[in-house]
Amino acid sequence: MILELPEISAIRRFSADDLRLELACALYARDRISAVTGADIAGIDLVSFQCALHERGIPRQYSASDLKEDLATLDKLFPA
């Protein structure tokens, strides 16, 4: 996908990587994408994306499906 932006001096000071991260954070904050998808869009690992969210004051959203995945992982790691 190619995103064309107007030639505005305020935008020129940002690199493509900066804009991808800002877009990913904004979409995540609006609950439009997951953290994993945000990290993929930004081209960084999940922990770095979570740090970027924290730096911007965007709280981590923890859903019921996140909990299910975490519990399933714990069951695999520590079987009863």
PDB file of N, CA and C in Angstrom:
ATOM      1  N   MET A   1       0.844  -1.169   0.000  1.00  0.00           N
ATOM      2  CA  MET A   1       0.000   0.000   0.000  1.00  0.00           C
ATOM      3  C   MET A   1       0.895   1.239   0.000  1.00  0.00           C
ATOM      4  N   ILE A   2       0.509   2.194  -0.783  1.00  0.00           N
ATOM      5  CA  ILE A   2       1.239   3.457  -0.831  1.00  0.00           C
ATOM      6  C   ILE A   2       0.299   4.552  -0.348  1.00  0.00           C
ATOM      7  N   LEU A   3       0.775   5.319   0.602  1.00  0.00           N
ATOM      8  CA  LEU A   3       0.012   6.439   1.143  1.00  0.00           C
ATOM      9  C   LEU A   3       0.689   7.727   0.697  1.00  0.00           C
ATOM     10  N   GLU A   4      -0.044   8.546  -0.023  1.00  0.00           N
ATOM     11  CA  GLU A   4       0.514   9.815  -0.484  1.00  0.00           C
ATOM     12  C   GLU A   4       0.047  10.920   0.446  1.00  0.00           C
ATOM     13  N   LEU A   5       1.008  11.703   0.936  1.00  0.00           N
ATOM     14  CA  LEU A   5       0.712  12.811   1.832  1.00  0.00           C
ATOM     15  C   LEU A   5       1.035  14.125   1.136  1.00  0.00           C
ATOM     16  N   PRO A   6       0.341  15.175   1.504  1.00  0.00           N
ATOM     17  CA  PRO A   6       0.636  16.466   0.878  1.00  0.00           C
ATOM     18  C   PRO A   6       2.032  16.950   1.262  1.00  0.00           C
ATOM     19  N   GLU A   7       2.605  17.755   0.418  1.00  0.00           N
ATOM     20  CA  GLU A   7       3.939  18.325   0.679  1.00  0.00           C
ATOM     21  C   GLU A   7       3.803  19.475   1.673  1.00  0.00           C
ATOM     22  N   ILE A   8       3.811  19.134   2.935  1.00  0.00           N
ATOM     23  CA  ILE A   8       3.694  20.114   4.012  1.00  0.00           C
ATOM     24  C   ILE A   8       4.973  20.032   4.840  1.00  0.00           C
ATOM     25  N   SER A   9       5.536  21.166   5.160  1.00  0.00           N
ATOM     26  CA  SER A   9       6.820  21.175   5.869  1.00  0.00           C
ATOM     27  C   SER A   9       6.739  20.436   7.207  1.00  0.00           C
ATOM     28  N   ALA A  10       5.609  20.483   7.876  1.00  0.00           N
ATOM     29  CA  ALA A  10       5.467  19.792   9.163  1.00  0.00           C
ATOM     30  C   ALA A  10       5.593  18.280   9.009  1.00  0.00           C
ATOM     31  N   ILE A  11       5.218  17.757   7.867  1.00  0.00           N
ATOM     32  CA  ILE A  11       5.295  16.308   7.630  1.00  0.00           C
ATOM     33  C   ILE A  11       6.697  15.897   7.205  1.00  0.00           C
ATOM     34  N   ARG A  12       7.395  16.756   6.475  1.00  0.00           N
ATOM     35  CA  ARG A  12       8.714  16.408   5.954  1.00  0.00           C
ATOM     36  C   ARG A  12       9.732  16.074   7.038  1.00  0.00           C
ATOM     37  N   ARG A  13       9.521  16.574   8.248  1.00  0.00           N
ATOM     38  CA  ARG A  13      10.501  16.310   9.311  1.00  0.00           C
ATOM     39  C   ARG A  13      10.381  14.900   9.891  1.00  0.00           C
ATOM     40  N   PHE A  14       9.326  14.174   9.503  1.00  0.00           N
ATOM     41  CA  PHE A  14       9.141  12.808   9.979  1.00  0.00           C
ATOM     42  C   PHE A  14       9.629  11.814   8.939  1.00  0.00           C
ATOM     43  N   SER A  15      10.273  10.762   9.412  1.00  0.00           N
ATOM     44  CA  SER A  15      10.664   9.692   8.492  1.00  0.00           C
ATOM     45  C   SER A  15       9.451   8.798   8.235  1.00  0.00           C
ATOM     46  N   ALA A  16       9.555   7.949   7.234  1.00  0.00           N
ATOM     47  CA  ALA A  16       8.481   6.996   6.944  1.00  0.00           C
ATOM     48  C   ALA A  16       8.258   6.078   8.141  1.00  0.00           C
ATOM     49  N   ASP A  17       9.337   5.670   8.810  1.00  0.00           N
ATOM     50  CA  ASP A  17       9.213   4.806   9.989  1.00  0.00           C
ATOM     51  C   ASP A  17       8.465   5.517  11.115  1.00  0.00           C
ATOM     52  N   ASP A  18       8.763   6.806  11.320  1.00  0.00           N
ATOM     53  CA  ASP A  18       8.054   7.581  12.348  1.00  0.00           C
ATOM     54  C   ASP A  18       6.563   7.641  12.055  1.00  0.00           C
ATOM     55  N   LEU A  19       6.215   7.897  10.800  1.00  0.00           N
ATOM     56  CA  LEU A  19       4.807   7.998  10.427  1.00  0.00           C
ATOM     57  C   LEU A  19       4.089   6.658  10.558  1.00  0.00           C
ATOM     58  N   ARG A  20       4.780   5.571  10.218  1.00  0.00           N
ATOM     59  CA  ARG A  20       4.174   4.238  10.393  1.00  0.00           C
ATOM     60  C   ARG A  20       3.894   3.962  11.859  1.00  0.00           C
ATOM     61  N   LEU A  21       4.818   4.327  12.738  1.00  0.00           N
ATOM     62  CA  LEU A  21       4.621   4.115  14.171  1.00  0.00           C
ATOM     63  C   LEU A  21       3.466   4.967  14.693  1.00  0.00           C
ATOM     64  N   GLU A  22       3.411   6.226  14.274  1.00  0.00           N
ATOM     65  CA  GLU A  22       2.336   7.107  14.718  1.00  0.00           C
ATOM     66  C   GLU A  22       0.976   6.601  14.244  1.00  0.00           C
ATOM     67  N   LEU A  23       0.912   6.133  13.010  1.00  0.00           N
ATOM     68  CA  LEU A  23      -0.328   5.576  12.477  1.00  0.00           C
ATOM     69  C   LEU A  23      -0.740   4.344  13.270  1.00  0.00           C
ATOM     70  N   ALA A  24       0.206   3.455  13.527  1.00  0.00           N
ATOM     71  CA  ALA A  24      -0.096   2.232  14.267  1.00  0.00           C
ATOM     72  C   ALA A  24      -0.593   2.559  15.677  1.00  0.00           C
ATOM     73  N   CYS A  25       0.047   3.505  16.345  1.00  0.00           N
ATOM     74  CA  CYS A  25      -0.377   3.893  17.698  1.00  0.00           C
ATOM     75  C   CYS A  25      -1.779   4.494  17.681  1.00  0.00           C
ATOM     76  N   ALA A  26      -2.052   5.334  16.702  1.00  0.00           N
ATOM     77  CA  ALA A  26      -3.369   5.956  16.607  1.00  0.00           C
ATOM     78  C   ALA A  26      -4.462   4.920  16.345  1.00  0.00           C
ATOM     79  N   LEU A  27      -4.196   3.992  15.454  1.00  0.00           N
ATOM     80  CA  LEU A  27      -5.184   2.938  15.177  1.00  0.00           C
ATOM     81  C   LEU A  27      -5.402   2.054  16.395  1.00  0.00           C
ATOM     82  N   TYR A  28      -4.344   1.739  17.103  1.00  0.00           N
ATOM     83  CA  TYR A  28      -4.465   0.933  18.313  1.00  0.00           C
ATOM     84  C   TYR A  28      -5.272   1.680  19.374  1.00  0.00           C
ATOM     85  N   ALA A  29      -4.988   2.966  19.555  1.00  0.00           N
ATOM     86  CA  ALA A  29      -5.688   3.768  20.559  1.00  0.00           C
ATOM     87  C   ALA A  29      -7.186   3.823  20.286  1.00  0.00           C
ATOM     88  N   ARG A  30      -7.561   3.748  19.022  1.00  0.00           N
ATOM     89  CA  ARG A  30      -8.980   3.776  18.647  1.00  0.00           C
ATOM     90  C   ARG A  30      -9.584   2.385  18.599  1.00  0.00           C
ATOM     91  N   ASP A  31      -8.821   1.379  19.055  1.00  0.00           N
ATOM     92  CA  ASP A  31      -9.275  -0.017  19.113  1.00  0.00           C
ATOM     93  C   ASP A  31      -9.614  -0.572  17.727  1.00  0.00           C
ATOM     94  N   ARG A  32      -8.854  -0.136  16.725  1.00  0.00           N
ATOM     95  CA  ARG A  32      -9.078  -0.603  15.354  1.00  0.00           C
ATOM     96  C   ARG A  32      -8.166  -1.764  14.995  1.00  0.00           C
ATOM     97  N   ILE A  33      -7.040  -1.908  15.726  1.00  0.00           N
ATOM     98  CA  ILE A  33      -6.093  -2.986  15.468  1.00  0.00           C
ATOM     99  C   ILE A  33      -5.567  -3.518  16.800  1.00  0.00           C
ATOM    100  N   SER A  34      -4.984  -4.701  16.752  1.00  0.00           N
ATOM    101  CA  SER A  34      -4.373  -5.292  17.943  1.00  0.00           C
ATOM    102  C   SER A  34      -2.944  -4.772  18.104  1.00  0.00           C
ATOM    103  N   ALA A  35      -2.362  -5.048  19.241  1.00  0.00           N
ATOM    104  CA  ALA A  35      -0.981  -4.647  19.487  1.00  0.00           C
ATOM    105  C   ALA A  35      -0.030  -5.371  18.529  1.00  0.00           C
ATOM    106  N   VAL A  36      -0.300  -6.622  18.265  1.00  0.00           N
ATOM    107  CA  VAL A  36       0.557  -7.383  17.342  1.00  0.00           C
ATOM    108  C   VAL A  36       0.493  -6.768  15.941  1.00  0.00           C
ATOM    109  N   THR A  37      -0.710  -6.422  15.492  1.00  0.00           N
ATOM    110  CA  THR A  37      -0.861  -5.787  14.186  1.00  0.00           C
ATOM    111  C   THR A  37      -0.184  -4.419  14.180  1.00  0.00           C
ATOM    112  N   GLY A  38      -0.312  -3.684  15.276  1.00  0.00           N
ATOM    113  CA  GLY A  38       0.349  -2.387  15.385  1.00  0.00           C
ATOM    114  C   GLY A  38       1.853  -2.517  15.252  1.00  0.00           C
ATOM    115  N   ALA A  39       2.412  -3.508  15.923  1.00  0.00           N
ATOM    116  CA  ALA A  39       3.855  -3.746  15.821  1.00  0.00           C
ATOM    117  C   ALA A  39       4.245  -4.093  14.390  1.00  0.00           C
ATOM    118  N   ASP A  40       3.418  -4.903  13.722  1.00  0.00           N
ATOM    119  CA  ASP A  40       3.692  -5.258  12.318  1.00  0.00           C
ATOM    120  C   ASP A  40       3.649  -4.029  11.417  1.00  0.00           C
ATOM    121  N   ILE A  41       2.637  -3.182  11.604  1.00  0.00           N
ATOM    122  CA  ILE A  41       2.525  -1.966  10.791  1.00  0.00           C
ATOM    123  C   ILE A  41       3.748  -1.073  11.006  1.00  0.00           C
ATOM    124  N   ALA A  42       4.143  -0.934  12.272  1.00  0.00           N
ATOM    125  CA  ALA A  42       5.275  -0.067  12.607  1.00  0.00           C
ATOM    126  C   ALA A  42       6.618  -0.688  12.230  1.00  0.00           C
ATOM    127  N   GLY A  43       6.633  -1.988  11.988  1.00  0.00           N
ATOM    128  CA  GLY A  43       7.878  -2.661  11.626  1.00  0.00           C
ATOM    129  C   GLY A  43       8.810  -2.848  12.808  1.00  0.00           C
ATOM    130  N   ILE A  44       8.224  -3.011  14.015  1.00  0.00           N
ATOM    131  CA  ILE A  44       9.020  -3.201  15.227  1.00  0.00           C
ATOM    132  C   ILE A  44       8.475  -4.396  16.005  1.00  0.00           C
ATOM    133  N   ASP A  45       9.214  -4.815  17.014  1.00  0.00           N
ATOM    134  CA  ASP A  45       8.745  -5.940  17.824  1.00  0.00           C
ATOM    135  C   ASP A  45       7.656  -5.465  18.791  1.00  0.00           C
ATOM    136  N   LEU A  46       6.929  -6.427  19.352  1.00  0.00           N
ATOM    137  CA  LEU A  46       5.789  -6.129  20.208  1.00  0.00           C
ATOM    138  C   LEU A  46       6.182  -5.326  21.442  1.00  0.00           C
ATOM    139  N   VAL A  47       7.288  -5.673  22.074  1.00  0.00           N
ATOM    140  CA  VAL A  47       7.715  -4.957  23.275  1.00  0.00           C
ATOM    141  C   VAL A  47       8.030  -3.495  22.952  1.00  0.00           C
ATOM    142  N   SER A  48       8.699  -3.245  21.838  1.00  0.00           N
ATOM    143  CA  SER A  48       8.993  -1.867  21.426  1.00  0.00           C
ATOM    144  C   SER A  48       7.706  -1.103  21.133  1.00  0.00           C
ATOM    145  N   PHE A  49       6.726  -1.787  20.530  1.00  0.00           N
ATOM    146  CA  PHE A  49       5.441  -1.136  20.262  1.00  0.00           C
ATOM    147  C   PHE A  49       4.734  -0.792  21.571  1.00  0.00           C
ATOM    148  N   GLN A  50       4.776  -1.703  22.522  1.00  0.00           N
ATOM    149  CA  GLN A  50       4.158  -1.428  23.817  1.00  0.00           C
ATOM    150  C   GLN A  50       4.853  -0.251  24.510  1.00  0.00           C
ATOM    151  N   CYS A  51       6.153  -0.142  24.367  1.00  0.00           N
ATOM    152  CA  CYS A  51       6.884   1.010  24.925  1.00  0.00           C
ATOM    153  C   CYS A  51       6.446   2.298  24.242  1.00  0.00           C
ATOM    154  N   ALA A  52       6.257   2.253  22.925  1.00  0.00           N
ATOM    155  CA  ALA A  52       5.801   3.438  22.187  1.00  0.00           C
ATOM    156  C   ALA A  52       4.406   3.849  22.651  1.00  0.00           C
ATOM    157  N   LEU A  53       3.543   2.876  22.898  1.00  0.00           N
ATOM    158  CA  LEU A  53       2.206   3.184  23.414  1.00  0.00           C
ATOM    159  C   LEU A  53       2.309   3.858  24.775  1.00  0.00           C
ATOM    160  N   HIS A  54       3.167   3.308  25.626  1.00  0.00           N
ATOM    161  CA  HIS A  54       3.350   3.869  26.969  1.00  0.00           C
ATOM    162  C   HIS A  54       3.864   5.312  26.898  1.00  0.00           C
ATOM    163  N   GLU A  55       4.829   5.554  26.024  1.00  0.00           N
ATOM    164  CA  GLU A  55       5.393   6.904  25.862  1.00  0.00           C
ATOM    165  C   GLU A  55       4.329   7.913  25.443  1.00  0.00           C
ATOM    166  N   ARG A  56       3.311   7.448  24.733  1.00  0.00           N
ATOM    167  CA  ARG A  56       2.248   8.324  24.258  1.00  0.00           C
ATOM    168  C   ARG A  56       1.046   8.350  25.199  1.00  0.00           C
ATOM    169  N   GLY A  57       1.143   7.636  26.308  1.00  0.00           N
ATOM    170  CA  GLY A  57       0.044   7.608  27.277  1.00  0.00           C
ATOM    171  C   GLY A  57      -1.158   6.801  26.819  1.00  0.00           C
ATOM    172  N   ILE A  58      -0.916   5.849  25.919  1.00  0.00           N
ATOM    173  CA  ILE A  58      -1.996   4.997  25.409  1.00  0.00           C
ATOM    174  C   ILE A  58      -2.000   3.712  26.222  1.00  0.00           C
ATOM    175  N   PRO A  59      -3.080   3.446  26.960  1.00  0.00           N
ATOM    176  CA  PRO A  59      -3.097   2.251  27.807  1.00  0.00           C
ATOM    177  C   PRO A  59      -3.170   0.965  26.991  1.00  0.00           C
ATOM    178  N   ARG A  60      -2.555  -0.060  27.521  1.00  0.00           N
ATOM    179  CA  ARG A  60      -2.590  -1.400  26.902  1.00  0.00           C
ATOM    180  C   ARG A  60      -3.966  -1.982  27.121  1.00  0.00           C
ATOM    181  N   GLN A  61      -4.592  -2.421  26.060  1.00  0.00           N
ATOM    182  CA  GLN A  61      -5.921  -3.027  26.136  1.00  0.00           C
ATOM    183  C   GLN A  61      -5.750  -4.532  26.236  1.00  0.00           C
ATOM    184  N   TYR A  62      -6.329  -5.093  27.260  1.00  0.00           N
ATOM    185  CA  TYR A  62      -6.207  -6.532  27.492  1.00  0.00           C
ATOM    186  C   TYR A  62      -7.596  -7.127  27.377  1.00  0.00           C
ATOM    187  N   SER A  63      -7.828  -7.896  26.320  1.00  0.00           N
ATOM    188  CA  SER A  63      -9.159  -8.431  26.036  1.00  0.00           C
ATOM    189  C   SER A  63      -9.336  -9.837  26.586  1.00  0.00           C
ATOM    190  N   ALA A  64     -10.563 -10.303  26.531  1.00  0.00           N
ATOM    191  CA  ALA A  64     -10.870 -11.667  26.955  1.00  0.00           C
ATOM    192  C   ALA A  64     -10.121 -12.678  26.089  1.00  0.00           C
ATOM    193  N   SER A  65      -9.989 -12.394  24.806  1.00  0.00           N
ATOM    194  CA  SER A  65      -9.250 -13.325  23.938  1.00  0.00           C
ATOM    195  C   SER A  65      -7.762 -13.332  24.283  1.00  0.00           C
ATOM    196  N   ASP A  66      -7.220 -12.179  24.705  1.00  0.00           N
ATOM    197  CA  ASP A  66      -5.832 -12.148  25.172  1.00  0.00           C
ATOM    198  C   ASP A  66      -5.673 -13.058  26.385  1.00  0.00           C
ATOM    199  N   LEU A  67      -6.623 -12.984  27.304  1.00  0.00           N
ATOM    200  CA  LEU A  67      -6.578 -13.815  28.512  1.00  0.00           C
ATOM    201  C   LEU A  67      -6.647 -15.295  28.148  1.00  0.00           C
ATOM    202  N   LYS A  68      -7.542 -15.651  27.222  1.00  0.00           N
ATOM    203  CA  LYS A  68      -7.655 -17.052  26.792  1.00  0.00           C
ATOM    204  C   LYS A  68      -6.335 -17.558  26.220  1.00  0.00           C
ATOM    205  N   GLU A  69      -5.720 -16.745  25.369  1.00  0.00           N
ATOM    206  CA  GLU A  69      -4.444 -17.131  24.761  1.00  0.00           C
ATOM    207  C   GLU A  69      -3.370 -17.304  25.830  1.00  0.00           C
ATOM    208  N   ASP A  70      -3.331 -16.389  26.785  1.00  0.00           N
ATOM    209  CA  ASP A  70      -2.334 -16.478  27.858  1.00  0.00           C
ATOM    210  C   ASP A  70      -2.552 -17.716  28.713  1.00  0.00           C
ATOM    211  N   LEU A  71      -3.803 -18.019  29.036  1.00  0.00           N
ATOM    212  CA  LEU A  71      -4.096 -19.213  29.839  1.00  0.00           C
ATOM    213  C   LEU A  71      -3.733 -20.481  29.090  1.00  0.00           C
ATOM    214  N   ALA A  72      -4.027 -20.518  27.786  1.00  0.00           N
ATOM    215  CA  ALA A  72      -3.662 -21.692  26.988  1.00  0.00           C
ATOM    216  C   ALA A  72      -2.155 -21.870  26.944  1.00  0.00           C
ATOM    217  N   THR A  73      -1.417 -20.783  26.834  1.00  0.00           N
ATOM    218  CA  THR A  73       0.047 -20.852  26.832  1.00  0.00           C
ATOM    219  C   THR A  73       0.558 -21.364  28.171  1.00  0.00           C
ATOM    220  N   LEU A  74      -0.014 -20.858  29.261  1.00  0.00           N
ATOM    221  CA  LEU A  74       0.395 -21.333  30.590  1.00  0.00           C
ATOM    222  C   LEU A  74       0.091 -22.814  30.763  1.00  0.00           C
ATOM    223  N   ASP A  75      -1.057 -23.279  30.255  1.00  0.00           N
ATOM    224  CA  ASP A  75      -1.402 -24.697  30.345  1.00  0.00           C
ATOM    225  C   ASP A  75      -0.390 -25.554  29.595  1.00  0.00           C
ATOM    226  N   LYS A  76       0.094 -25.069  28.462  1.00  0.00           N
ATOM    227  CA  LYS A  76       1.094 -25.820  27.700  1.00  0.00           C
ATOM    228  C   LYS A  76       2.441 -25.844  28.415  1.00  0.00           C
ATOM    229  N   LEU A  77       2.795 -24.706  29.013  1.00  0.00           N
ATOM    230  CA  LEU A  77       4.086 -24.612  29.697  1.00  0.00           C
ATOM    231  C   LEU A  77       4.110 -25.346  31.023  1.00  0.00           C
ATOM    232  N   PHE A  78       2.963 -25.330  31.707  1.00  0.00           N
ATOM    233  CA  PHE A  78       2.874 -25.928  33.040  1.00  0.00           C
ATOM    234  C   PHE A  78       1.652 -26.833  33.125  1.00  0.00           C
ATOM    235  N   PRO A  79       1.725 -28.001  32.485  1.00  0.00           N
ATOM    236  CA  PRO A  79       0.567 -28.914  32.505  1.00  0.00           C
ATOM    237  C   PRO A  79       0.295 -29.402  33.934  1.00  0.00           C
ATOM    238  N   ALA A  80      -0.993 -29.614  34.202  1.00  0.00           N
ATOM    239  CA  ALA A  80      -1.413 -30.049  35.554  1.00  0.00           C
ATOM    240  C   ALA A  80      -1.034 -31.476  35.838  1.00  0.00           C
TER     241      ALA A  80
END
